[in-house]
Protein backbone atom coordinates (compact mmCIF):
# COMPACT_ATOMS: atom_id res chain seq x y z
CA MET A 1 -43.94 196.14 137.97
CA LEU A 2 -40.37 195.20 136.39
CA VAL A 3 -38.38 198.20 135.02
CA SER A 4 -35.00 198.47 133.72
CA LEU A 5 -32.77 201.64 134.52
CA ALA A 6 -29.64 200.40 132.81
CA SER A 7 -28.62 197.32 130.50
CA ASN A 8 -24.68 196.31 129.63
CA GLN A 9 -23.61 199.55 131.00
CA THR A 10 -19.30 199.72 131.65
CA ILE A 11 -18.59 202.18 134.32
CA ALA A 12 -14.56 202.74 134.45
CA ALA A 13 -12.79 202.47 137.27
CA GLY A 14 -12.55 205.03 140.01
CA SER A 15 -15.80 206.91 138.56
CA SER A 16 -19.34 206.66 139.07
CA ALA A 17 -22.37 206.40 137.01
CA THR A 18 -26.46 207.38 137.90
CA TYR A 19 -29.35 205.99 136.50
CA THR A 20 -32.67 207.46 137.15
CA TYR A 21 -36.20 206.23 136.64
CA SER A 22 -39.91 208.36 137.30
CA PRO A 23 -41.81 205.86 139.04
CA GLN A 24 -45.17 206.45 141.06
CA SER A 25 -43.70 204.31 144.03
CA VAL A 26 -40.61 202.42 144.88
CA GLN A 27 -40.32 198.87 146.28
CA LYS A 28 -36.74 197.37 145.32
CA VAL A 29 -33.84 197.67 143.23
CA PHE A 30 -31.63 194.89 141.74
CA LEU A 31 -28.36 195.61 140.52
CA SER A 32 -26.25 193.04 138.45
CA VAL A 33 -22.50 193.49 138.15
CA GLU A 34 -19.50 191.91 136.51
CA ASP A 35 -15.58 191.82 136.64
CA ALA A 36 -13.30 191.29 139.16
CA ASP A 37 -13.50 193.45 142.36
CA TRP A 38 -17.04 194.39 141.97
CA GLU A 39 -17.76 193.81 145.51
CA ALA A 40 -15.33 196.48 146.53
CA GLY A 41 -17.73 199.45 144.69
CA ASN A 42 -20.78 201.70 146.52
CA VAL A 43 -24.19 202.26 145.66
CA THR A 44 -26.13 205.25 146.81
CA VAL A 45 -30.13 205.35 145.96
CA GLN A 46 -32.43 207.94 146.41
CA ILE A 47 -36.09 209.28 145.91
CA GLY A 48 -35.57 212.94 144.76
CA SER A 49 -33.67 214.28 147.75
CA ARG A 50 -34.53 211.44 150.28
CA THR A 51 -31.72 209.19 150.68
CA ILE A 52 -32.90 205.37 151.18
CA CYS A 53 -29.42 203.64 150.67
CA ASN A 54 -26.10 205.83 151.84
CA GLY A 55 -23.41 204.52 149.63
CA ILE A 56 -23.31 201.09 151.11
CA ASN A 57 -20.31 198.74 150.21
CA ASN A 58 -21.24 196.18 147.60
CA PHE A 59 -19.99 193.30 149.67
CA GLY A 60 -22.05 194.33 152.46
CA ILE A 61 -25.32 194.10 150.44
CA LYS A 62 -24.03 190.69 148.85
CA GLN A 63 -24.03 189.40 152.65
CA LEU A 64 -27.71 190.84 153.00
CA THR A 65 -28.92 189.59 150.01
CA LYS A 66 -27.95 186.04 151.24
CA LEU A 67 -30.73 186.47 153.31
CA GLN A 68 -33.44 186.84 150.53
CA SER A 69 -31.73 185.16 147.57
CA GLY A 70 -30.37 181.62 147.34
CA VAL A 71 -27.85 182.83 144.54
CA PRO A 72 -26.74 186.42 145.09
CA SER A 73 -23.29 185.56 143.32
CA ALA A 74 -21.64 183.39 140.57
CA GLY A 75 -18.01 183.02 141.97
CA ASN A 76 -15.90 186.36 142.32
CA LEU A 77 -16.56 187.78 138.62
CA SER A 78 -20.05 188.47 139.09
CA GLY A 79 -22.84 189.12 141.54
CA ILE A 80 -26.75 189.84 142.12
CA MET A 81 -27.44 192.29 144.81
CA ILE A 82 -30.92 193.24 146.13
CA TYR A 83 -32.08 196.23 147.80
CA ASP A 84 -35.21 195.83 149.69
CA PHE A 85 -37.11 199.15 150.50
CA GLY A 86 -40.59 198.10 151.67
CA SER A 87 -42.33 200.83 149.75
CA HIS A 88 -41.90 204.42 149.04
CA GLN A 89 -44.58 206.76 147.68
CA CYS A 90 -43.08 209.50 145.21
CA MET A 91 -43.86 212.95 145.51
CA ASN A 92 -44.01 215.70 143.23
CA ASN A 93 -42.88 213.91 140.47
CA GLU A 94 -39.66 212.85 142.59
CA ASN A 95 -37.30 210.35 140.66
CA LEU A 96 -35.83 207.24 141.48
CA TYR A 97 -31.79 207.90 141.21
CA VAL A 98 -29.27 204.82 141.49
CA THR A 99 -25.66 206.00 141.88
CA ILE A 100 -22.92 203.21 141.55
CA GLN A 101 -19.19 204.13 142.50
CA ALA A 102 -16.88 201.87 141.02
CA VAL A 103 -13.10 200.83 142.41
CA ALA A 104 -12.33 198.42 139.35
CA GLU A 105 -14.12 198.67 136.44
CA LEU A 106 -17.45 197.33 136.24
CA SER A 107 -18.92 195.94 132.79
CA ALA A 108 -22.18 194.33 132.06
CA THR A 109 -23.69 196.29 134.86
CA ASP A 110 -27.49 196.22 134.91
CA VAL A 111 -30.05 198.00 137.15
CA SER A 112 -33.40 197.26 137.63
CA ALA A 113 -36.21 198.11 140.10
CA ILE A 114 -39.61 196.64 141.20
CA VAL A 115 -41.83 200.21 141.04
CA ASP A 116 -45.56 200.91 141.31
CA GLU A 117 -46.86 197.79 143.47
CA PRO A 118 -49.88 199.28 145.06
CA PHE A 119 -50.24 196.23 147.20
CA ALA A 120 -46.65 196.05 148.61
CA GLY A 121 -45.66 196.75 152.15
CA SER A 122 -46.95 199.94 153.71
CA LEU A 123 -43.24 200.66 155.52
CA PRO A 124 -41.03 202.71 153.46
CA ILE A 125 -37.59 201.34 154.49
CA ARG A 126 -34.11 202.89 154.46
CA LEU A 127 -30.81 200.86 154.38
CA THR A 128 -28.11 202.55 156.33
CA GLU A 129 -24.37 201.64 156.72
CA TYR A 130 -22.64 202.74 160.10
CA SER A 131 -18.77 202.50 160.44
CA ASP A 132 -18.93 204.26 164.13
CA THR A 133 -18.31 201.48 166.78
CA THR A 134 -21.13 203.06 169.07
CA PHE A 135 -24.25 204.53 167.52
CA THR A 136 -27.95 205.13 167.95
CA ALA A 137 -30.07 204.36 164.90
CA GLU A 138 -33.77 205.08 165.06
CA ASN A 139 -36.67 202.69 163.91
CA VAL A 140 -34.68 199.70 163.49
CA LEU A 141 -36.14 196.63 162.37
CA SER A 142 -33.11 194.63 161.67
CA ALA A 143 -29.33 194.98 161.75
CA MET A 144 -26.65 192.70 159.98
CA SER A 145 -22.84 192.90 160.60
CA TYR A 146 -19.96 192.38 158.56
CA ASP A 147 -15.95 193.30 157.73
CA SER A 148 -15.33 195.85 155.09
CA SER A 149 -12.13 193.95 154.66
CA GLN A 150 -13.95 191.10 153.71
CA GLY A 151 -12.88 188.72 156.07
CA GLU A 152 -14.85 185.96 157.77
CA VAL A 153 -16.27 186.83 161.27
CA ASN A 154 -17.48 183.57 162.59
CA GLU A 155 -14.52 183.44 165.37
CA ASP A 156 -14.97 187.01 166.08
CA ALA A 157 -15.21 186.68 169.87
CA TYR A 158 -16.10 190.35 170.55
CA ASN A 159 -19.33 191.38 171.98
CA CYS A 160 -21.73 194.02 170.56
CA GLU A 161 -23.98 195.65 173.40
CA ILE A 162 -27.52 196.17 172.12
CA LYS A 163 -29.87 198.49 173.86
CA THR A 164 -33.74 199.25 172.85
CA SER A 165 -36.59 200.35 174.99
CA LEU A 166 -37.85 196.78 175.63
CA TYR A 167 -34.20 194.68 175.96
CA SER A 168 -30.63 195.14 176.47
CA SER A 169 -28.26 192.11 175.22
CA ALA A 170 -24.63 191.50 173.97
CA PRO A 171 -23.88 188.87 171.79
CA SER A 172 -20.62 188.15 170.59
CA PHE A 173 -20.20 188.15 166.84
CA ILE A 174 -19.60 184.68 167.01
CA SER A 175 -23.31 184.37 167.80
CA ALA A 176 -24.62 186.65 165.35
CA ASN A 177 -23.08 184.74 162.60
CA SER A 178 -24.68 181.76 163.74
CA TYR A 179 -28.16 183.71 163.53
CA TYR A 180 -26.91 184.73 160.24
CA GLN A 181 -26.31 181.33 159.25
CA SER A 182 -29.60 180.08 160.37
CA SER A 183 -31.47 182.72 158.73
CA ALA A 184 -29.56 182.66 155.06
CA VAL A 185 -31.28 181.39 152.11
CA CYS A 186 -27.92 180.98 150.42
CA GLU A 187 -25.80 178.29 151.51
CA ASN A 188 -22.40 179.68 150.48
CA GLU A 189 -19.86 181.70 152.27
CA VAL A 190 -22.14 182.39 155.05
CA THR A 191 -19.19 182.95 157.45
CA TYR A 192 -19.01 186.72 156.43
CA ALA A 193 -21.88 188.39 158.17
CA GLY A 194 -23.91 188.54 161.38
CA LEU A 195 -27.40 189.23 162.16
CA LEU A 196 -27.59 190.89 165.16
CA CYS A 197 -31.25 191.69 165.60
CA LYS A 198 -34.59 191.38 163.89
CA HIS A 199 -37.37 193.60 165.66
CA GLN A 200 -40.95 193.02 165.30
CA LEU A 201 -41.58 196.57 165.58
CA PRO A 202 -39.39 199.35 164.69
CA LEU A 203 -37.27 200.36 167.60
CA LYS A 204 -34.72 203.13 168.69
CA THR A 205 -31.50 200.87 168.89
CA THR A 206 -28.06 201.71 170.34
CA PHE A 207 -25.14 199.69 169.24
CA ASN A 208 -21.59 199.50 171.05
CA TYR A 209 -18.87 197.21 170.00
CA SER A 210 -14.84 197.17 170.48
CA GLY A 211 -12.75 198.93 167.78
CA SER A 212 -10.43 195.87 168.19
CA ALA A 213 -13.18 193.61 166.49
CA VAL A 214 -13.00 192.02 163.01
CA THR A 215 -16.13 193.50 162.18
CA ASP A 216 -16.40 196.90 161.52
CA ARG A 217 -19.57 197.81 159.79
CA ILE A 218 -23.41 197.06 160.47
CA ILE A 219 -26.31 197.93 158.05
CA THR A 220 -29.50 198.49 159.57
CA ALA A 221 -32.99 198.24 157.86
CA GLU A 222 -34.93 201.36 159.29
CA VAL A 223 -38.68 202.35 159.06
CA MET A 224 -38.87 206.09 157.53
CA GLY A 225 -41.62 208.30 158.52
CA SER A 226 -44.54 208.74 155.92
CA SER A 227 -46.04 212.29 155.16
CA PRO A 228 -50.08 212.26 155.29
CA GLY A 229 -49.64 213.11 151.44
CA GLN A 230 -47.62 209.98 150.85
CA VAL A 231 -50.22 207.81 153.06
CA ALA A 232 -52.96 209.20 151.27
CA LYS A 233 -51.29 208.83 147.87
CA GLY A 234 -50.62 204.93 148.45
CA LYS A 235 -54.22 204.55 149.71
CA ARG A 236 -55.27 206.14 146.47
CA ALA A 237 -53.30 203.73 144.14
CA ALA A 238 -54.36 200.58 146.07
CA LYS A 239 -58.13 201.63 145.91
CA VAL A 240 -57.40 202.44 141.78
CA ALA A 241 -55.92 198.97 141.88
CA ARG A 242 -58.95 197.21 143.40
CA ILE A 243 -61.42 198.65 141.10
CA SER A 244 -59.43 197.90 137.99
CA ALA A 245 -59.17 194.25 139.21
CA ARG A 246 -62.99 193.72 139.33
């Protein structure tokens, strides 16, 4: 179901605001923001003490949103961002927290979420942004790259070495942008990001690229582990929903 965490809120330049909700499970978060330079902000999402989005830059999430939605922004003065977390079970009265760090003032800020969907995808997803040029991430499903200075990357001729237990490759960021453009639902401004990989199974993945590249950020979608209690709670919720629908 759709719920609202905040509507028409103003966040002063250089400050942050946290909005919360008490769900049984979390699937998606939506953020609508306005004002110039909104892309420079950052968002952190937590469920209890678990961080499922680690302060990712709005410009990066804007690019990620283009893989899901045809209208992620309306010019430079406003935008819509989608955070897809698969499905997380909230245990022991854990709350959902969405923290927005503003660079410029953000007015008419709206935060909403999809929660308590018993038949949503069973995998809990974490979105993690990396600034290191060499790193290893666990249980990666996909990885998208971009330039934190908001430059185009379709002519970024440097290669990114990608290694998993199943394969090793070194595509250029130019090729990653071609893959991104072929996958994007949105047609505007599609030269600002690259799609490095999409795995059918979560894989431990190592990324390595030159610090001289225009690209300097990689956002991964990673599967998080589930405790026996979380699995059991998800199954109970689905069972109750099936019974109620009869």
